[in-house]
Amino acid sequence: MTVCAALLVAVVALGQAPAKKYGVKSATVTVVTDMMGEKTESTSYFDDFGAKETTQMEMMGMKMTQLSRDGKMYIINAEQKQVQEMPAQESVNYLNLTPEIIKKYNVKEVGKETVAGKECTKYTVELSQMGQTVKAEVSVWQGYAFKSKIDMGGFGVSTEVKEFKEGPVDAKLFDIPKF
């Protein structure tokens, strides 16, 4: 379950490069995810143009937090008092699409779409990771994926931003708990 969640987040977030990840300094974002017909809502917070990001979600009855900062990703399960650390996933930074990245991930711009009141640029992306080819259609505004449809070998997941509020976020959201 954790590997699937990490792969999903890597594809949806699409942007762990050292360059500025988002064109907005900080925001609070509410996202609706549809996974196998089950809809869930999560809240994400980011700061420093995406250098620090955390998502609080409930998946399959478990409340989890995913935190990305300092080139690492942490999966936090407060109920079980566990923190799992892993390297950040390599991915696409839409604010810095180099010819190498476009080729590596087969990135194609395919149009425009308005999501949550923002005019987004729509892309298709393909990447192979852990023996699976993942195909995604992603609508992006200021580097942030506002909408995505992901196919992981017949397993489909879609996400869509419900609300995007620019503004400062609490720095404590990016602390790693000491259990």
C-alpha atoms as a PDB file:
ATOM      1  CA  MET A   1       0.000   0.000   0.000  1.00  0.00           C
ATOM      2  CA  THR A   2       2.821   2.443   0.883  1.00  0.00           C
ATOM      3  CA  VAL A   3       4.687   1.769  -2.388  1.00  0.00           C
ATOM      4  CA  CYS A   4       1.468   2.368  -4.362  1.00  0.00           C
ATOM      5  CA  ALA A   5       0.860   5.622  -2.476  1.00  0.00           C
ATOM      6  CA  ALA A   6       4.449   6.748  -3.077  1.00  0.00           C
ATOM      7  CA  LEU A   7       4.198   5.977  -6.803  1.00  0.00           C
ATOM      8  CA  LEU A   8       0.857   7.786  -7.029  1.00  0.00           C
ATOM      9  CA  VAL A   9       2.217  10.856  -5.314  1.00  0.00           C
ATOM     10  CA  ALA A  10       5.315  10.854  -7.523  1.00  0.00           C
ATOM     11  CA  VAL A  11       3.171  10.916 -10.641  1.00  0.00           C
ATOM     12  CA  VAL A  12       0.625  13.432  -9.363  1.00  0.00           C
ATOM     13  CA  ALA A  13       3.097  15.805  -7.766  1.00  0.00           C
ATOM     14  CA  LEU A  14       5.493  15.573 -10.684  1.00  0.00           C
ATOM     15  CA  GLY A  15       8.127  17.946  -9.464  1.00  0.00           C
ATOM     16  CA  GLN A  16      10.898  17.076  -7.018  1.00  0.00           C
ATOM     17  CA  ALA A  17      13.647  18.846  -9.003  1.00  0.00           C
ATOM     18  CA  PRO A  18      15.932  21.242  -7.097  1.00  0.00           C
ATOM     19  CA  ALA A  19      14.658  24.220  -9.111  1.00  0.00           C
ATOM     20  CA  LYS A  20      11.544  26.056  -7.964  1.00  0.00           C
ATOM     21  CA  LYS A  21       8.703  23.530  -8.110  1.00  0.00           C
ATOM     22  CA  TYR A  22       5.693  25.874  -8.176  1.00  0.00           C
ATOM     23  CA  GLY A  23       5.146  29.449  -9.325  1.00  0.00           C
ATOM     24  CA  VAL A  24       3.375  30.243  -6.033  1.00  0.00           C
ATOM     25  CA  LYS A  25       5.307  30.626  -2.742  1.00  0.00           C
ATOM     26  CA  SER A  26       2.816  28.892  -0.451  1.00  0.00           C
ATOM     27  CA  ALA A  27      -0.725  27.549  -0.484  1.00  0.00           C
ATOM     28  CA  THR A  28      -3.302  25.252   1.063  1.00  0.00           C
ATOM     29  CA  VAL A  29      -4.916  22.908  -1.448  1.00  0.00           C
ATOM     30  CA  THR A  30      -7.939  20.618  -1.100  1.00  0.00           C
ATOM     31  CA  VAL A  31      -7.880  17.703  -3.553  1.00  0.00           C
ATOM     32  CA  VAL A  32     -10.473  15.019  -4.341  1.00  0.00           C
ATOM     33  CA  THR A  33      -9.036  11.649  -5.359  1.00  0.00           C
ATOM     34  CA  ASP A  34     -10.994   8.841  -7.018  1.00  0.00           C
ATOM     35  CA  MET A  35      -9.235   5.504  -6.601  1.00  0.00           C
ATOM     36  CA  MET A  36     -11.107   2.400  -7.718  1.00  0.00           C
ATOM     37  CA  GLY A  37     -14.426   4.244  -7.374  1.00  0.00           C
ATOM     38  CA  GLU A  38     -13.706   5.378  -3.815  1.00  0.00           C
ATOM     39  CA  LYS A  39     -13.527   9.162  -3.471  1.00  0.00           C
ATOM     40  CA  THR A  40     -11.402  10.703  -0.751  1.00  0.00           C
ATOM     41  CA  GLU A  41     -10.467  14.250   0.088  1.00  0.00           C
ATOM     42  CA  SER A  42      -7.000  15.340   1.170  1.00  0.00           C
ATOM     43  CA  THR A  43      -5.393  18.605   2.125  1.00  0.00           C
ATOM     44  CA  SER A  44      -1.934  19.609   0.927  1.00  0.00           C
ATOM     45  CA  TYR A  45       0.218  22.464   2.113  1.00  0.00           C
ATOM     46  CA  PHE A  46       3.373  23.775   0.486  1.00  0.00           C
ATOM     47  CA  ASP A  47       5.899  26.494   1.171  1.00  0.00           C
ATOM     48  CA  ASP A  48       9.072  27.909  -0.394  1.00  0.00           C
ATOM     49  CA  PHE A  49       7.687  27.343  -3.903  1.00  0.00           C
ATOM     50  CA  GLY A  50       7.235  23.619  -3.202  1.00  0.00           C
ATOM     51  CA  ALA A  51      10.584  22.923  -1.493  1.00  0.00           C
ATOM     52  CA  LYS A  52       8.497  21.804   1.493  1.00  0.00           C
ATOM     53  CA  GLU A  53       5.207  20.009   0.979  1.00  0.00           C
ATOM     54  CA  THR A  54       2.900  17.927   3.119  1.00  0.00           C
ATOM     55  CA  THR A  55      -0.323  16.079   2.343  1.00  0.00           C
ATOM     56  CA  GLN A  56      -2.753  14.797   4.944  1.00  0.00           C
ATOM     57  CA  MET A  57      -4.958  11.992   3.647  1.00  0.00           C
ATOM     58  CA  GLU A  58      -7.008   8.991   4.581  1.00  0.00           C
ATOM     59  CA  MET A  59      -6.474   5.912   2.430  1.00  0.00           C
ATOM     60  CA  MET A  60      -8.215   2.607   3.010  1.00  0.00           C
ATOM     61  CA  GLY A  61      -9.201   3.619   6.522  1.00  0.00           C
ATOM     62  CA  MET A  62      -5.717   4.800   7.543  1.00  0.00           C
ATOM     63  CA  LYS A  63      -4.879   8.434   8.239  1.00  0.00           C
ATOM     64  CA  MET A  64      -1.477   9.247   6.803  1.00  0.00           C
ATOM     65  CA  THR A  65       0.690  12.256   6.171  1.00  0.00           C
ATOM     66  CA  GLN A  66       3.212  12.466   3.379  1.00  0.00           C
ATOM     67  CA  LEU A  67       5.944  15.038   3.850  1.00  0.00           C
ATOM     68  CA  SER A  68       8.542  16.060   1.263  1.00  0.00           C
ATOM     69  CA  ARG A  69      11.504  18.255   2.142  1.00  0.00           C
ATOM     70  CA  ASP A  70      15.285  18.341   1.935  1.00  0.00           C
ATOM     71  CA  GLY A  71      15.300  15.854  -0.962  1.00  0.00           C
ATOM     72  CA  LYS A  72      13.502  13.186   1.079  1.00  0.00           C
ATOM     73  CA  MET A  73       9.960  11.912   1.389  1.00  0.00           C
ATOM     74  CA  TYR A  74       8.415  10.761   4.666  1.00  0.00           C
ATOM     75  CA  ILE A  75       5.269   8.677   5.131  1.00  0.00           C
ATOM     76  CA  ILE A  76       3.928   9.378   8.616  1.00  0.00           C
ATOM     77  CA  ASN A  77       1.341   7.216  10.385  1.00  0.00           C
ATOM     78  CA  ALA A  78       0.612   9.033  13.659  1.00  0.00           C
ATOM     79  CA  GLU A  79      -1.825   6.353  14.867  1.00  0.00           C
ATOM     80  CA  GLN A  80       0.900   3.680  14.693  1.00  0.00           C
ATOM     81  CA  LYS A  81       3.630   6.204  15.600  1.00  0.00           C
ATOM     82  CA  GLN A  82       5.677   5.342  12.510  1.00  0.00           C
ATOM     83  CA  VAL A  83       7.761   7.437  10.143  1.00  0.00           C
ATOM     84  CA  GLN A  84       9.079   5.862   6.960  1.00  0.00           C
ATOM     85  CA  GLU A  85      11.855   7.816   5.209  1.00  0.00           C
ATOM     86  CA  MET A  86      12.738   7.363   1.540  1.00  0.00           C
ATOM     87  CA  PRO A  87      14.531   9.335  -1.164  1.00  0.00           C
ATOM     88  CA  ALA A  88      12.401  11.812  -3.077  1.00  0.00           C
ATOM     89  CA  GLN A  89      11.102  10.441  -6.355  1.00  0.00           C
ATOM     90  CA  GLU A  90      12.604  11.737  -9.580  1.00  0.00           C
ATOM     91  CA  SER A  91       9.911  13.493 -11.559  1.00  0.00           C
ATOM     92  CA  VAL A  92       8.898  16.253 -13.965  1.00  0.00           C
ATOM     93  CA  ASN A  93       9.160  19.921 -12.961  1.00  0.00           C
ATOM     94  CA  TYR A  94       6.671  21.717 -15.207  1.00  0.00           C
ATOM     95  CA  LEU A  95       8.279  25.094 -14.509  1.00  0.00           C
ATOM     96  CA  ASN A  96      11.562  23.828 -15.940  1.00  0.00           C
ATOM     97  CA  LEU A  97      10.761  21.503 -18.850  1.00  0.00           C
ATOM     98  CA  THR A  98      14.137  20.751 -20.397  1.00  0.00           C
ATOM     99  CA  PRO A  99      14.515  18.806 -23.661  1.00  0.00           C
ATOM    100  CA  GLU A 100      15.971  15.907 -21.616  1.00  0.00           C
ATOM    101  CA  ILE A 101      12.956  15.765 -19.296  1.00  0.00           C
ATOM    102  CA  ILE A 102      10.503  16.059 -22.200  1.00  0.00           C
ATOM    103  CA  LYS A 103      12.195  13.117 -23.922  1.00  0.00           C
ATOM    104  CA  LYS A 104      12.676  10.991 -20.779  1.00  0.00           C
ATOM    105  CA  TYR A 105       9.017  11.271 -19.708  1.00  0.00           C
ATOM    106  CA  ASN A 106       7.504  11.646 -23.180  1.00  0.00           C
ATOM    107  CA  VAL A 107       5.899  14.945 -22.086  1.00  0.00           C
ATOM    108  CA  LYS A 108       3.455  16.422 -24.610  1.00  0.00           C
ATOM    109  CA  GLU A 109       1.387  19.574 -24.301  1.00  0.00           C
ATOM    110  CA  VAL A 110      -2.129  18.683 -25.488  1.00  0.00           C
ATOM    111  CA  GLY A 111      -4.279  21.731 -24.731  1.00  0.00           C
ATOM    112  CA  LYS A 112      -5.817  23.963 -22.078  1.00  0.00           C
ATOM    113  CA  GLU A 113      -8.459  23.327 -19.423  1.00  0.00           C
ATOM    114  CA  THR A 114      -9.984  25.386 -16.600  1.00  0.00           C
ATOM    115  CA  VAL A 115      -9.891  23.630 -13.218  1.00  0.00           C
ATOM    116  CA  ALA A 116     -10.956  25.280  -9.932  1.00  0.00           C
ATOM    117  CA  GLY A 117     -11.046  28.639 -11.715  1.00  0.00           C
ATOM    118  CA  LYS A 118      -7.456  28.440 -13.039  1.00  0.00           C
ATOM    119  CA  GLU A 119      -6.564  28.086 -16.713  1.00  0.00           C
ATOM    120  CA  CYS A 120      -4.301  25.059 -16.798  1.00  0.00           C
ATOM    121  CA  THR A 121      -2.007  23.650 -19.453  1.00  0.00           C
ATOM    122  CA  LYS A 122      -2.807  20.011 -20.171  1.00  0.00           C
ATOM    123  CA  TYR A 123       0.023  17.492 -20.679  1.00  0.00           C
ATOM    124  CA  THR A 124       0.392  13.776 -21.256  1.00  0.00           C
ATOM    125  CA  VAL A 125       3.281  12.037 -19.490  1.00  0.00           C
ATOM    126  CA  GLU A 126       4.638   8.507 -19.522  1.00  0.00           C
ATOM    127  CA  LEU A 127       7.153   7.032 -17.116  1.00  0.00           C
ATOM    128  CA  SER A 128       8.396   3.610 -16.156  1.00  0.00           C
ATOM    129  CA  GLN A 129       9.052   2.967 -12.506  1.00  0.00           C
ATOM    130  CA  MET A 130       9.448  -0.227 -10.499  1.00  0.00           C
ATOM    131  CA  GLY A 131       8.694  -2.306 -13.602  1.00  0.00           C
ATOM    132  CA  GLN A 132       5.445  -0.489 -14.407  1.00  0.00           C
ATOM    133  CA  THR A 133       4.635   2.003 -17.128  1.00  0.00           C
ATOM    134  CA  VAL A 134       2.505   4.823 -15.828  1.00  0.00           C
ATOM    135  CA  LYS A 135       0.557   7.022 -18.226  1.00  0.00           C
ATOM    136  CA  ALA A 136      -0.902  10.284 -17.019  1.00  0.00           C
ATOM    137  CA  GLU A 137      -2.866  13.224 -18.308  1.00  0.00           C
ATOM    138  CA  VAL A 138      -2.118  16.221 -16.092  1.00  0.00           C
ATOM    139  CA  SER A 139      -3.581  19.749 -16.094  1.00  0.00           C
ATOM    140  CA  VAL A 140      -1.057  22.136 -14.547  1.00  0.00           C
ATOM    141  CA  TRP A 141      -1.219  25.738 -13.288  1.00  0.00           C
ATOM    142  CA  GLN A 142       1.959  27.426 -12.024  1.00  0.00           C
ATOM    143  CA  GLY A 143       3.631  23.996 -11.852  1.00  0.00           C
ATOM    144  CA  TYR A 144       0.910  22.472  -9.626  1.00  0.00           C
ATOM    145  CA  ALA A 145      -1.147  19.513 -10.909  1.00  0.00           C
ATOM    146  CA  PHE A 146      -4.746  20.736 -10.665  1.00  0.00           C
ATOM    147  CA  LYS A 147      -6.200  17.632 -12.311  1.00  0.00           C
ATOM    148  CA  SER A 148      -4.779  14.254 -13.267  1.00  0.00           C
ATOM    149  CA  LYS A 149      -5.875  10.956 -14.707  1.00  0.00           C
ATOM    150  CA  ILE A 150      -3.367   8.181 -14.141  1.00  0.00           C
ATOM    151  CA  ASP A 151      -3.293   4.672 -15.574  1.00  0.00           C
ATOM    152  CA  MET A 152      -0.921   2.268 -13.841  1.00  0.00           C
ATOM    153  CA  GLY A 153      -1.395  -0.873 -15.891  1.00  0.00           C
ATOM    154  CA  GLY A 154      -5.203  -0.926 -15.665  1.00  0.00           C
ATOM    155  CA  PHE A 155      -5.297   0.599 -12.182  1.00  0.00           C
ATOM    156  CA  GLY A 156      -6.783   4.083 -12.582  1.00  0.00           C
ATOM    157  CA  VAL A 157      -6.584   7.059 -10.261  1.00  0.00           C
ATOM    158  CA  SER A 158      -7.862  10.573 -10.824  1.00  0.00           C
ATOM    159  CA  THR A 159      -7.360  13.718  -8.783  1.00  0.00           C
ATOM    160  CA  GLU A 160      -8.822  17.204  -8.993  1.00  0.00           C
ATOM    161  CA  VAL A 161      -8.217  20.373  -7.006  1.00  0.00           C
ATOM    162  CA  LYS A 162     -11.387  21.460  -5.246  1.00  0.00           C
ATOM    163  CA  GLU A 163      -9.903  24.574  -3.601  1.00  0.00           C
ATOM    164  CA  PHE A 164      -6.552  26.380  -3.926  1.00  0.00           C
ATOM    165  CA  LYS A 165      -5.809  29.112  -1.366  1.00  0.00           C
ATOM    166  CA  GLU A 166      -2.574  31.043  -1.811  1.00  0.00           C
ATOM    167  CA  GLY A 167      -1.025  32.359   1.387  1.00  0.00           C
ATOM    168  CA  PRO A 168       1.222  31.501   4.323  1.00  0.00           C
ATOM    169  CA  VAL A 169       1.029  28.069   5.942  1.00  0.00           C
ATOM    170  CA  ASP A 170       2.070  26.942   9.439  1.00  0.00           C
ATOM    171  CA  ALA A 171       5.774  25.967   9.464  1.00  0.00           C
ATOM    172  CA  LYS A 172       4.994  23.162  11.978  1.00  0.00           C
ATOM    173  CA  LEU A 173       3.255  21.248   9.157  1.00  0.00           C
ATOM    174  CA  PHE A 174       6.712  20.397   7.810  1.00  0.00           C
ATOM    175  CA  ASP A 175       8.140  19.029  11.073  1.00  0.00           C
ATOM    176  CA  ILE A 176       8.981  15.334  11.261  1.00  0.00           C
ATOM    177  CA  PRO A 177       7.382  13.917  14.412  1.00  0.00           C
ATOM    178  CA  LYS A 178       9.543  12.264  17.052  1.00  0.00           C
ATOM    179  CA  PHE A 179       7.630   9.220  18.293  1.00  0.00           C
END
